Amino acid sequence: MKLDFRKTFRLKTPRPGFVLASVLLWIGIALCSSTLLYLQDRVFPFPKQLLDYMQKLLGSATEHSFASVFLVVAVLPAICEEMTFRGVVLSGLLSRNRPPVALILTAALFAAFHLSLYRFLPVFLIGLAASYIVYRSGSIFTGMLLHLFNNGLVVYYTFHAEQDTLGLMQMTFAPVRFLIGLTLVAAALLLTWKRKREISDC
């Protein structure tokens, strides 16, 4: 395909400000997700069979070691899926579309890849955040970091459900937490928007 490997996959070390923005985006989305899923469930209810299956799947994960589950569920997807979607897919779409369109399409394809209509919204938001931070930073490692933290949190609470005192893994209506999450997302966007994107490395 005659693609520049380094530019296609954005293999450069991100600046500290973009690393901070990735963490802020992850925390913000994590705080918002339970309320968004609660509202989605009111309009588009999750089938009981799906919820039971997900509970069973999470339960079966604890039969293995934390390290092995973390590797399979958090580390490998953060590397492989980011290389695919924020590497090949995003680069291809940016070559043919305006950045906002390319970012949204990449996130939509990322969500569709997970093959669950009921999980489309939260996965789309994570995909959109990862696409945005990779595009602005010029580094795929910012998306990998966000992806790793997102999946890693699920793995952690799967093994330590009693420590989920905020109910981040539940569908709960928490307006205060939602507003805090939105504030953190806005802070991340402001932090990255003020920084000049390194076009030569994208």
N, C-alpha and C. Protein backbone atom coordinates (compact mmCIF):
# COMPACT_ATOMS: atom_id res chain seq x y z
N MET A 1 0.82 -1.22 0.00
CA MET A 1 0.00 0.00 0.00
C MET A 1 0.85 1.27 0.00
N LYS A 2 2.18 1.09 0.12
CA LYS A 2 3.11 2.22 0.10
C LYS A 2 2.79 3.25 1.18
N LEU A 3 2.46 2.78 2.37
CA LEU A 3 2.17 3.66 3.49
C LEU A 3 3.42 3.84 4.34
N ASP A 4 3.57 5.03 4.90
CA ASP A 4 4.66 5.26 5.84
C ASP A 4 4.25 4.64 7.17
N PHE A 5 4.97 3.61 7.60
CA PHE A 5 4.60 2.85 8.80
C PHE A 5 4.52 3.74 10.03
N ARG A 6 5.52 4.57 10.24
CA ARG A 6 5.56 5.41 11.44
C ARG A 6 4.42 6.42 11.47
N LYS A 7 4.12 7.02 10.32
CA LYS A 7 3.05 8.01 10.27
C LYS A 7 1.67 7.36 10.34
N THR A 8 1.52 6.23 9.68
CA THR A 8 0.23 5.54 9.70
C THR A 8 -0.17 5.13 11.12
N PHE A 9 0.80 4.60 11.86
CA PHE A 9 0.52 4.13 13.22
C PHE A 9 0.87 5.14 14.30
N ARG A 10 1.34 6.33 13.89
CA ARG A 10 1.61 7.42 14.83
C ARG A 10 2.50 6.96 15.98
N LEU A 11 3.62 6.38 15.62
CA LEU A 11 4.53 5.82 16.62
C LEU A 11 5.51 6.89 17.12
N LYS A 12 5.00 7.76 17.98
CA LYS A 12 5.84 8.78 18.58
C LYS A 12 5.44 8.94 20.05
N THR A 13 6.40 9.37 20.84
CA THR A 13 6.14 9.57 22.27
C THR A 13 5.27 10.81 22.47
N PRO A 14 4.15 10.67 23.18
CA PRO A 14 3.26 11.82 23.38
C PRO A 14 3.82 12.80 24.41
N ARG A 15 3.46 14.03 24.27
CA ARG A 15 3.84 15.03 25.26
C ARG A 15 3.03 14.82 26.55
N PRO A 16 3.59 15.22 27.71
CA PRO A 16 2.91 14.99 29.00
C PRO A 16 1.48 15.55 29.04
N GLY A 17 1.26 16.69 28.41
CA GLY A 17 -0.08 17.28 28.42
C GLY A 17 -1.11 16.39 27.78
N PHE A 18 -0.74 15.69 26.74
CA PHE A 18 -1.67 14.79 26.06
C PHE A 18 -1.89 13.51 26.88
N VAL A 19 -0.87 13.09 27.60
CA VAL A 19 -1.03 11.94 28.49
C VAL A 19 -2.03 12.29 29.59
N LEU A 20 -1.89 13.49 30.15
CA LEU A 20 -2.83 13.96 31.16
C LEU A 20 -4.24 14.03 30.60
N ALA A 21 -4.37 14.53 29.38
CA ALA A 21 -5.69 14.63 28.74
C ALA A 21 -6.31 13.25 28.54
N SER A 22 -5.50 12.26 28.21
CA SER A 22 -6.01 10.89 28.05
C SER A 22 -6.60 10.37 29.36
N VAL A 23 -5.90 10.64 30.45
CA VAL A 23 -6.37 10.20 31.76
C VAL A 23 -7.66 10.93 32.14
N LEU A 24 -7.71 12.23 31.87
CA LEU A 24 -8.91 13.01 32.18
C LEU A 24 -10.11 12.52 31.37
N LEU A 25 -9.88 12.22 30.09
CA LEU A 25 -10.96 11.69 29.25
C LEU A 25 -11.47 10.36 29.78
N TRP A 26 -10.53 9.49 30.17
CA TRP A 26 -10.92 8.18 30.70
C TRP A 26 -11.75 8.33 31.98
N ILE A 27 -11.27 9.14 32.91
CA ILE A 27 -12.01 9.31 34.18
C ILE A 27 -13.37 9.95 33.91
N GLY A 28 -13.38 10.97 33.04
CA GLY A 28 -14.65 11.64 32.74
C GLY A 28 -15.68 10.71 32.15
N ILE A 29 -15.28 9.91 31.18
CA ILE A 29 -16.21 8.96 30.55
C ILE A 29 -16.63 7.89 31.53
N ALA A 30 -15.71 7.43 32.38
CA ALA A 30 -16.05 6.42 33.39
C ALA A 30 -17.10 6.95 34.35
N LEU A 31 -17.01 8.22 34.72
CA LEU A 31 -17.98 8.82 35.63
C LEU A 31 -19.34 9.05 34.97
N CYS A 32 -19.33 9.26 33.67
CA CYS A 32 -20.58 9.51 32.94
C CYS A 32 -21.30 8.24 32.52
N SER A 33 -20.57 7.15 32.33
CA SER A 33 -21.11 5.95 31.68
C SER A 33 -22.30 5.34 32.40
N SER A 34 -22.25 5.25 33.72
CA SER A 34 -23.35 4.60 34.45
C SER A 34 -24.66 5.34 34.25
N THR A 35 -24.61 6.68 34.22
CA THR A 35 -25.82 7.47 34.00
C THR A 35 -26.30 7.35 32.56
N LEU A 36 -25.37 7.36 31.62
CA LEU A 36 -25.74 7.21 30.21
C LEU A 36 -26.39 5.84 29.96
N LEU A 37 -25.83 4.79 30.56
CA LEU A 37 -26.40 3.45 30.40
C LEU A 37 -27.76 3.36 31.08
N TYR A 38 -27.91 4.05 32.21
CA TYR A 38 -29.21 4.08 32.90
C TYR A 38 -30.27 4.72 32.00
N LEU A 39 -29.94 5.86 31.39
CA LEU A 39 -30.88 6.55 30.52
C LEU A 39 -31.16 5.72 29.26
N GLN A 40 -30.13 5.06 28.73
CA GLN A 40 -30.32 4.21 27.56
C GLN A 40 -31.27 3.06 27.90
N ASP A 41 -31.10 2.50 29.09
CA ASP A 41 -31.93 1.37 29.50
C ASP A 41 -33.39 1.76 29.64
N ARG A 42 -33.65 3.02 29.94
CA ARG A 42 -35.05 3.49 30.06
C ARG A 42 -35.72 3.54 28.68
N VAL A 43 -34.92 3.84 27.66
CA VAL A 43 -35.45 3.98 26.30
C VAL A 43 -35.30 2.68 25.51
N PHE A 44 -34.18 2.03 25.71
CA PHE A 44 -33.81 0.84 24.93
C PHE A 44 -33.31 -0.22 25.91
N PRO A 45 -34.24 -0.88 26.61
CA PRO A 45 -33.88 -1.77 27.73
C PRO A 45 -32.94 -2.91 27.33
N PHE A 46 -32.00 -3.18 28.22
CA PHE A 46 -31.12 -4.32 28.03
C PHE A 46 -31.91 -5.61 28.25
N PRO A 47 -31.83 -6.59 27.35
CA PRO A 47 -32.50 -7.88 27.57
C PRO A 47 -31.95 -8.57 28.82
N LYS A 48 -32.82 -9.18 29.58
CA LYS A 48 -32.37 -9.88 30.79
C LYS A 48 -31.38 -10.98 30.45
N GLN A 49 -31.60 -11.64 29.31
CA GLN A 49 -30.68 -12.71 28.90
C GLN A 49 -29.27 -12.18 28.70
N LEU A 50 -29.17 -10.96 28.13
CA LEU A 50 -27.85 -10.37 27.89
C LEU A 50 -27.17 -10.02 29.20
N LEU A 51 -27.93 -9.44 30.13
CA LEU A 51 -27.36 -9.08 31.43
C LEU A 51 -26.90 -10.32 32.18
N ASP A 52 -27.72 -11.39 32.12
CA ASP A 52 -27.34 -12.64 32.79
C ASP A 52 -26.08 -13.23 32.16
N TYR A 53 -25.99 -13.15 30.83
CA TYR A 53 -24.82 -13.68 30.14
C TYR A 53 -23.57 -12.91 30.51
N MET A 54 -23.69 -11.58 30.57
CA MET A 54 -22.54 -10.77 30.93
C MET A 54 -22.09 -11.04 32.35
N GLN A 55 -23.05 -11.24 33.25
CA GLN A 55 -22.71 -11.58 34.64
C GLN A 55 -22.00 -12.91 34.70
N LYS A 56 -22.50 -13.87 33.94
CA LYS A 56 -21.87 -15.20 33.90
C LYS A 56 -20.47 -15.12 33.32
N LEU A 57 -20.31 -14.31 32.28
CA LEU A 57 -19.00 -14.16 31.64
C LEU A 57 -17.99 -13.53 32.59
N LEU A 58 -18.43 -12.50 33.30
CA LEU A 58 -17.55 -11.85 34.26
C LEU A 58 -17.20 -12.79 35.41
N GLY A 59 -18.20 -13.58 35.81
CA GLY A 59 -17.96 -14.54 36.89
C GLY A 59 -16.94 -15.60 36.49
N SER A 60 -17.02 -16.05 35.25
CA SER A 60 -16.09 -17.08 34.79
C SER A 60 -14.66 -16.54 34.68
N ALA A 61 -14.53 -15.22 34.50
CA ALA A 61 -13.20 -14.62 34.38
C ALA A 61 -12.42 -14.77 35.68
N THR A 62 -13.11 -14.75 36.81
CA THR A 62 -12.43 -14.84 38.10
C THR A 62 -11.88 -16.24 38.38
N GLU A 63 -12.20 -17.19 37.51
CA GLU A 63 -11.63 -18.52 37.66
C GLU A 63 -10.17 -18.55 37.22
N HIS A 64 -9.73 -17.48 36.54
CA HIS A 64 -8.36 -17.37 36.08
C HIS A 64 -7.64 -16.32 36.92
N SER A 65 -6.35 -16.21 36.75
CA SER A 65 -5.58 -15.23 37.51
C SER A 65 -5.86 -13.83 37.01
N PHE A 66 -5.72 -12.86 37.91
CA PHE A 66 -5.93 -11.47 37.54
C PHE A 66 -4.99 -11.06 36.41
N ALA A 67 -3.73 -11.48 36.49
CA ALA A 67 -2.74 -11.10 35.48
C ALA A 67 -3.11 -11.60 34.09
N SER A 68 -3.58 -12.85 34.01
CA SER A 68 -3.92 -13.39 32.69
C SER A 68 -5.15 -12.72 32.11
N VAL A 69 -6.15 -12.44 32.93
CA VAL A 69 -7.36 -11.76 32.46
C VAL A 69 -7.03 -10.32 32.06
N PHE A 70 -6.18 -9.67 32.84
CA PHE A 70 -5.78 -8.29 32.53
C PHE A 70 -5.05 -8.24 31.19
N LEU A 71 -4.21 -9.23 30.95
CA LEU A 71 -3.46 -9.30 29.69
C LEU A 71 -4.40 -9.46 28.51
N VAL A 72 -5.37 -10.39 28.62
CA VAL A 72 -6.27 -10.70 27.51
C VAL A 72 -7.32 -9.62 27.29
N VAL A 73 -7.86 -9.07 28.36
CA VAL A 73 -8.99 -8.13 28.26
C VAL A 73 -8.54 -6.67 28.16
N ALA A 74 -7.41 -6.35 28.76
CA ALA A 74 -6.98 -4.95 28.78
C ALA A 74 -5.76 -4.66 27.90
N VAL A 75 -4.69 -5.42 28.09
CA VAL A 75 -3.44 -5.10 27.40
C VAL A 75 -3.50 -5.39 25.90
N LEU A 76 -3.90 -6.61 25.54
CA LEU A 76 -3.92 -6.97 24.11
C LEU A 76 -4.90 -6.13 23.29
N PRO A 77 -6.14 -5.91 23.77
CA PRO A 77 -7.04 -5.04 23.00
C PRO A 77 -6.51 -3.61 22.88
N ALA A 78 -5.88 -3.11 23.94
CA ALA A 78 -5.35 -1.74 23.89
C ALA A 78 -4.30 -1.60 22.80
N ILE A 79 -3.53 -2.66 22.58
CA ILE A 79 -2.50 -2.61 21.54
C ILE A 79 -3.08 -2.92 20.16
N CYS A 80 -3.74 -4.07 20.06
CA CYS A 80 -4.21 -4.54 18.74
C CYS A 80 -5.33 -3.69 18.17
N GLU A 81 -6.34 -3.37 18.98
CA GLU A 81 -7.47 -2.59 18.48
C GLU A 81 -7.07 -1.16 18.16
N GLU A 82 -6.17 -0.60 18.97
CA GLU A 82 -5.73 0.77 18.67
C GLU A 82 -4.89 0.81 17.39
N MET A 83 -4.02 -0.17 17.20
CA MET A 83 -3.23 -0.21 15.98
C MET A 83 -4.14 -0.33 14.75
N THR A 84 -5.24 -1.07 14.92
CA THR A 84 -6.16 -1.25 13.81
C THR A 84 -7.00 0.00 13.55
N PHE A 85 -7.70 0.46 14.60
CA PHE A 85 -8.67 1.54 14.40
C PHE A 85 -8.05 2.93 14.43
N ARG A 86 -7.16 3.21 15.40
CA ARG A 86 -6.54 4.52 15.44
C ARG A 86 -5.27 4.57 14.60
N GLY A 87 -4.91 3.41 14.02
CA GLY A 87 -3.78 3.36 13.11
C GLY A 87 -4.26 3.32 11.68
N VAL A 88 -4.57 2.12 11.19
CA VAL A 88 -4.94 1.94 9.78
C VAL A 88 -6.25 2.64 9.43
N VAL A 89 -7.31 2.38 10.20
CA VAL A 89 -8.64 2.91 9.86
C VAL A 89 -8.66 4.44 9.91
N LEU A 90 -8.18 5.01 11.00
CA LEU A 90 -8.21 6.47 11.14
C LEU A 90 -7.34 7.15 10.07
N SER A 91 -6.17 6.60 9.81
CA SER A 91 -5.29 7.18 8.79
C SER A 91 -5.96 7.14 7.42
N GLY A 92 -6.59 6.02 7.12
CA GLY A 92 -7.27 5.90 5.83
C GLY A 92 -8.42 6.87 5.69
N LEU A 93 -9.23 7.01 6.75
CA LEU A 93 -10.38 7.91 6.70
C LEU A 93 -9.95 9.38 6.65
N LEU A 94 -8.86 9.71 7.35
CA LEU A 94 -8.38 11.09 7.33
C LEU A 94 -7.87 11.50 5.96
N SER A 95 -7.42 10.53 5.18
CA SER A 95 -6.92 10.84 3.84
C SER A 95 -8.05 11.14 2.87
N ARG A 96 -9.29 10.84 3.27
CA ARG A 96 -10.43 11.01 2.35
C ARG A 96 -11.55 11.88 2.93
N ASN A 97 -11.46 12.21 4.22
CA ASN A 97 -12.54 12.94 4.87
C ASN A 97 -11.99 14.06 5.76
N ARG A 98 -12.86 14.99 6.10
CA ARG A 98 -12.51 16.02 7.06
C ARG A 98 -12.32 15.37 8.43
N PRO A 99 -11.45 15.91 9.28
CA PRO A 99 -11.16 15.29 10.58
C PRO A 99 -12.38 14.93 11.43
N PRO A 100 -13.38 15.83 11.60
CA PRO A 100 -14.53 15.44 12.42
C PRO A 100 -15.25 14.21 11.89
N VAL A 101 -15.40 14.14 10.56
CA VAL A 101 -16.07 12.98 9.95
C VAL A 101 -15.24 11.72 10.16
N ALA A 102 -13.93 11.83 9.96
CA ALA A 102 -13.06 10.67 10.12
C ALA A 102 -13.07 10.16 11.55
N LEU A 103 -13.07 11.07 12.52
CA LEU A 103 -13.07 10.66 13.93
C LEU A 103 -14.37 9.95 14.30
N ILE A 104 -15.50 10.49 13.84
CA ILE A 104 -16.80 9.89 14.15
C ILE A 104 -16.95 8.52 13.47
N LEU A 105 -16.54 8.44 12.22
CA LEU A 105 -16.63 7.17 11.49
C LEU A 105 -15.75 6.10 12.13
N THR A 106 -14.55 6.49 12.54
CA THR A 106 -13.65 5.54 13.20
C THR A 106 -14.27 5.02 14.49
N ALA A 107 -14.85 5.92 15.28
CA ALA A 107 -15.48 5.52 16.53
C ALA A 107 -16.69 4.62 16.28
N ALA A 108 -17.46 4.92 15.23
CA ALA A 108 -18.63 4.11 14.90
C ALA A 108 -18.22 2.71 14.46
N LEU A 109 -17.19 2.61 13.64
CA LEU A 109 -16.70 1.31 13.21
C LEU A 109 -16.14 0.52 14.39
N PHE A 110 -15.47 1.23 15.29
CA PHE A 110 -14.92 0.60 16.50
C PHE A 110 -16.05 0.02 17.35
N ALA A 111 -17.14 0.77 17.52
CA ALA A 111 -18.28 0.30 18.31
C ALA A 111 -18.98 -0.86 17.62
N ALA A 112 -19.15 -0.77 16.30
CA ALA A 112 -19.79 -1.85 15.55
C ALA A 112 -18.98 -3.13 15.61
N PHE A 113 -17.65 -2.99 15.67
CA PHE A 113 -16.75 -4.14 15.74
C PHE A 113 -17.02 -5.00 16.97
N HIS A 114 -17.55 -4.39 18.04
CA HIS A 114 -17.81 -5.12 19.28
C HIS A 114 -19.13 -5.89 19.26
N LEU A 115 -19.86 -5.77 18.14
CA LEU A 115 -21.02 -6.64 17.87
C LEU A 115 -22.08 -6.65 18.97
N SER A 116 -22.38 -5.49 19.52
CA SER A 116 -23.45 -5.40 20.51
C SER A 116 -24.15 -4.06 20.39
N LEU A 117 -25.40 -4.10 19.95
CA LEU A 117 -26.17 -2.87 19.79
C LEU A 117 -26.37 -2.18 21.13
N TYR A 118 -26.47 -2.97 22.20
CA TYR A 118 -26.74 -2.42 23.53
C TYR A 118 -25.49 -1.77 24.14
N ARG A 119 -24.32 -2.17 23.68
CA ARG A 119 -23.08 -1.59 24.18
C ARG A 119 -22.52 -0.54 23.22
N PHE A 120 -23.27 -0.25 22.16
CA PHE A 120 -22.75 0.64 21.11
C PHE A 120 -22.39 2.02 21.67
N LEU A 121 -23.27 2.61 22.48
CA LEU A 121 -23.04 3.97 22.98
C LEU A 121 -21.77 4.09 23.81
N PRO A 122 -21.60 3.29 24.88
CA PRO A 122 -20.36 3.45 25.67
C PRO A 122 -19.09 3.14 24.88
N VAL A 123 -19.15 2.12 24.02
CA VAL A 123 -17.97 1.78 23.22
C VAL A 123 -17.69 2.89 22.21
N PHE A 124 -18.74 3.47 21.64
CA PHE A 124 -18.58 4.57 20.70
C PHE A 124 -17.90 5.76 21.38
N LEU A 125 -18.30 6.08 22.61
CA LEU A 125 -17.71 7.21 23.32
C LEU A 125 -16.23 6.99 23.61
N ILE A 126 -15.90 5.77 24.03
CA ILE A 126 -14.49 5.46 24.25
C ILE A 126 -13.71 5.56 22.94
N GLY A 127 -14.30 5.03 21.87
CA GLY A 127 -13.66 5.09 20.56
C GLY A 127 -13.48 6.51 20.07
N LEU A 128 -14.49 7.35 20.31
CA LEU A 128 -14.41 8.75 19.88
C LEU A 128 -13.33 9.49 20.67
N ALA A 129 -13.28 9.24 21.98
CA ALA A 129 -12.27 9.88 22.81
C ALA A 129 -10.87 9.44 22.39
N ALA A 130 -10.70 8.14 22.12
CA ALA A 130 -9.39 7.63 21.70
C ALA A 130 -9.00 8.21 20.34
N SER A 131 -9.96 8.26 19.43
CA SER A 131 -9.68 8.81 18.10
C SER A 131 -9.27 10.28 18.19
N TYR A 132 -9.98 11.03 19.01
CA TYR A 132 -9.69 12.46 19.17
C TYR A 132 -8.29 12.68 19.75
N ILE A 133 -7.98 11.97 20.85
CA ILE A 133 -6.71 12.23 21.52
C ILE A 133 -5.52 11.76 20.67
N VAL A 134 -5.71 10.69 19.90
CA VAL A 134 -4.65 10.24 19.01
C VAL A 134 -4.44 11.26 17.89
N TYR A 135 -5.53 11.77 17.35
CA TYR A 135 -5.44 12.76 16.27
C TYR A 135 -4.77 14.05 16.76
N ARG A 136 -5.17 14.52 17.93
CA ARG A 136 -4.62 15.78 18.43
C ARG A 136 -3.17 15.64 18.88
N SER A 137 -2.83 14.48 19.47
CA SER A 137 -1.48 14.30 20.01
C SER A 137 -0.49 13.84 18.96
N GLY A 138 -0.99 13.20 17.90
CA GLY A 138 -0.11 12.63 16.90
C GLY A 138 0.56 11.36 17.38
N SER A 139 0.05 10.79 18.48
CA SER A 139 0.65 9.58 19.05
C SER A 139 -0.42 8.54 19.37
N ILE A 140 -0.25 7.34 18.86
CA ILE A 140 -1.21 6.27 19.11
C ILE A 140 -1.15 5.80 20.55
N PHE A 141 -0.06 6.11 21.24
CA PHE A 141 0.10 5.65 22.63
C PHE A 141 -0.89 6.32 23.57
N THR A 142 -1.38 7.51 23.22
CA THR A 142 -2.40 8.14 24.05
C THR A 142 -3.71 7.35 23.99
N GLY A 143 -4.05 6.86 22.80
CA GLY A 143 -5.25 6.02 22.66
C GLY A 143 -5.09 4.69 23.36
N MET A 144 -3.90 4.11 23.27
CA MET A 144 -3.63 2.84 23.96
C MET A 144 -3.78 3.01 25.46
N LEU A 145 -3.30 4.13 25.98
CA LEU A 145 -3.38 4.39 27.42
C LEU A 145 -4.84 4.49 27.86
N LEU A 146 -5.63 5.27 27.13
CA LEU A 146 -7.05 5.42 27.45
C LEU A 146 -7.77 4.07 27.38
N HIS A 147 -7.49 3.31 26.34
CA HIS A 147 -8.11 1.99 26.13
C HIS A 147 -7.70 1.03 27.25
N LEU A 148 -6.44 1.05 27.61
CA LEU A 148 -5.93 0.17 28.68
C LEU A 148 -6.60 0.48 30.01
N PHE A 149 -6.71 1.76 30.35
CA PHE A 149 -7.33 2.14 31.61
C PHE A 149 -8.82 1.77 31.63
N ASN A 150 -9.49 1.98 30.50
CA ASN A 150 -10.92 1.68 30.43
C ASN A 150 -11.17 0.18 30.66
N ASN A 151 -10.49 -0.67 29.90
CA ASN A 151 -10.68 -2.11 30.05
C ASN A 151 -10.11 -2.62 31.36
N GLY A 152 -9.02 -2.00 31.79
CA GLY A 152 -8.39 -2.42 33.04
C GLY A 152 -9.29 -2.18 34.23
N LEU A 153 -10.06 -1.09 34.20
CA LEU A 153 -10.98 -0.79 35.30
C LEU A 153 -12.06 -1.88 35.40
N VAL A 154 -12.55 -2.33 34.25
CA VAL A 154 -13.55 -3.40 34.24
C VAL A 154 -12.97 -4.68 34.84
N VAL A 155 -11.75 -5.00 34.44
CA VAL A 155 -11.10 -6.20 34.98
C VAL A 155 -10.91 -6.08 36.49
N TYR A 156 -10.46 -4.91 36.93
CA TYR A 156 -10.22 -4.71 38.37
C TYR A 156 -11.49 -4.90 39.18
N TYR A 157 -12.58 -4.28 38.74
CA TYR A 157 -13.83 -4.39 39.49
C TYR A 157 -14.49 -5.76 39.34
N THR A 158 -14.12 -6.50 38.29
CA THR A 158 -14.60 -7.87 38.16
C THR A 158 -14.03 -8.72 39.29
N PHE A 159 -12.79 -8.47 39.65
CA PHE A 159 -12.14 -9.21 40.73
C PHE A 159 -12.39 -8.59 42.10
N HIS A 160 -12.73 -7.29 42.12
CA HIS A 160 -12.92 -6.59 43.39
C HIS A 160 -14.21 -5.78 43.34
N ALA A 161 -15.32 -6.47 43.10
CA ALA A 161 -16.61 -5.78 42.94
C ALA A 161 -17.00 -4.99 44.18
N GLU A 162 -16.56 -5.46 45.35
CA GLU A 162 -16.92 -4.79 46.60
C GLU A 162 -16.29 -3.41 46.72
N GLN A 163 -15.27 -3.13 45.92
CA GLN A 163 -14.60 -1.84 45.97
C GLN A 163 -15.22 -0.80 45.03
N ASP A 164 -16.22 -1.21 44.26
CA ASP A 164 -16.90 -0.27 43.36
C ASP A 164 -17.91 0.54 44.14
N THR A 165 -17.43 1.36 45.05
CA THR A 165 -18.31 2.13 45.93
C THR A 165 -19.08 3.21 45.18
N LEU A 166 -18.56 3.65 44.04
CA LEU A 166 -19.25 4.67 43.25
C LEU A 166 -20.29 4.08 42.30
N GLY A 167 -20.29 2.76 42.17
CA GLY A 167 -21.23 2.12 41.26
C GLY A 167 -20.91 2.36 39.80
N LEU A 168 -19.63 2.44 39.47
CA LEU A 168 -19.23 2.71 38.10
C LEU A 168 -19.59 1.59 37.14
N MET A 169 -19.72 0.38 37.67
CA MET A 169 -20.05 -0.77 36.84
C MET A 169 -21.55 -1.06 36.82
N GLN A 170 -22.33 -0.17 37.42
CA GLN A 170 -23.78 -0.35 37.49
C GLN A 170 -24.50 0.68 36.63
N MET A 171 -25.74 0.38 36.25
CA MET A 171 -26.58 1.35 35.55
C MET A 171 -27.33 2.16 36.60
N THR A 172 -26.74 3.27 37.02
CA THR A 172 -27.34 4.10 38.06
C THR A 172 -27.41 5.55 37.61
N PHE A 173 -28.46 6.24 38.05
CA PHE A 173 -28.64 7.65 37.72
C PHE A 173 -27.91 8.47 38.77
N ALA A 174 -26.80 9.08 38.38
CA ALA A 174 -25.96 9.85 39.30
C ALA A 174 -25.63 11.19 38.66
N PRO A 175 -26.54 12.17 38.75
CA PRO A 175 -26.34 13.45 38.05
C PRO A 175 -25.10 14.23 38.50
N VAL A 176 -24.77 14.19 39.79
CA VAL A 176 -23.59 14.91 40.26
C VAL A 176 -22.33 14.31 39.67
N ARG A 177 -22.25 12.98 39.72
CA ARG A 177 -21.09 12.29 39.14
C ARG A 177 -21.02 12.54 37.63
N PHE A 178 -22.18 12.60 36.99
CA PHE A 178 -22.24 12.84 35.55
C PHE A 178 -21.69 14.23 35.22
N LEU A 179 -22.06 15.22 36.02
CA LEU A 179 -21.59 16.59 35.78
C LEU A 179 -20.08 16.71 36.02
N ILE A 180 -19.60 15.99 37.03
CA ILE A 180 -18.15 15.99 37.29
C ILE A 180 -17.43 15.36 36.10
N GLY A 181 -18.00 14.27 35.59
CA GLY A 181 -17.41 13.61 34.42
C GLY A 181 -17.36 14.52 33.22
N LEU A 182 -18.46 15.23 32.96
CA LEU A 182 -18.50 16.16 31.83
C LEU A 182 -17.46 17.28 32.00
N THR A 183 -17.28 17.73 33.24
CA THR A 183 -16.29 18.77 33.52
C THR A 183 -14.88 18.29 33.19
N LEU A 184 -14.59 17.04 33.56
CA LEU A 184 -13.27 16.48 33.28
C LEU A 184 -13.05 16.31 31.77
N VAL A 185 -14.09 15.88 31.06
CA VAL A 185 -13.98 15.75 29.60
C VAL A 185 -13.75 17.12 28.98
N ALA A 186 -14.49 18.13 29.46
CA ALA A 186 -14.31 19.49 28.94
C ALA A 186 -12.90 19.99 29.22
N ALA A 187 -12.37 19.67 30.40
CA ALA A 187 -11.01 20.10 30.75
C ALA A 187 -9.99 19.45 29.82
N ALA A 188 -10.21 18.17 29.50
CA ALA A 188 -9.30 17.47 28.58
C ALA A 188 -9.35 18.08 27.19
N LEU A 189 -10.56 18.41 26.73
CA LEU A 189 -10.70 19.03 25.41
C LEU A 189 -10.04 20.40 25.37
N LEU A 190 -10.21 21.17 26.43
CA LEU A 190 -9.60 22.50 26.50
C LEU A 190 -8.08 22.38 26.52
N LEU A 191 -7.58 21.42 27.28
CA LEU A 191 -6.14 21.22 27.39
C LEU A 191 -5.52 20.86 26.04
N THR A 192 -6.20 20.01 25.29
CA THR A 192 -5.65 19.57 24.00
C THR A 192 -5.91 20.59 22.90
N TRP A 193 -7.01 21.32 23.00
CA TRP A 193 -7.34 22.28 21.95
C TRP A 193 -6.36 23.44 21.92
N LYS A 194 -5.81 23.78 23.06
CA LYS A 194 -4.87 24.90 23.14
C LYS A 194 -3.49 24.51 22.62
N ARG A 195 -3.27 23.21 22.49
CA ARG A 195 -1.97 22.75 22.02
C ARG A 195 -1.99 22.57 20.51
N LYS A 196 -0.94 22.99 19.87
CA LYS A 196 -0.85 22.85 18.42
C LYS A 196 -0.62 21.38 18.06
N ARG A 197 -1.48 20.86 17.20
CA ARG A 197 -1.31 19.47 16.77
C ARG A 197 -0.07 19.37 15.91
N GLU A 198 0.68 18.29 16.16
CA GLU A 198 1.93 18.12 15.41
C GLU A 198 1.63 17.42 14.10
N ILE A 199 1.25 18.21 13.10
CA ILE A 199 0.79 17.68 11.82
C ILE A 199 1.87 16.86 11.13
N SER A 200 3.09 17.25 11.26
CA SER A 200 4.16 16.54 10.56
C SER A 200 4.31 15.10 11.01
N ASP A 201 3.82 14.79 12.21
CA ASP A 201 3.95 13.43 12.73
C ASP A 201 2.68 12.63 12.61
N CYS A 202 1.65 13.17 11.93
CA CYS A 202 0.36 12.49 11.86
C CYS A 202 0.16 11.87 10.48
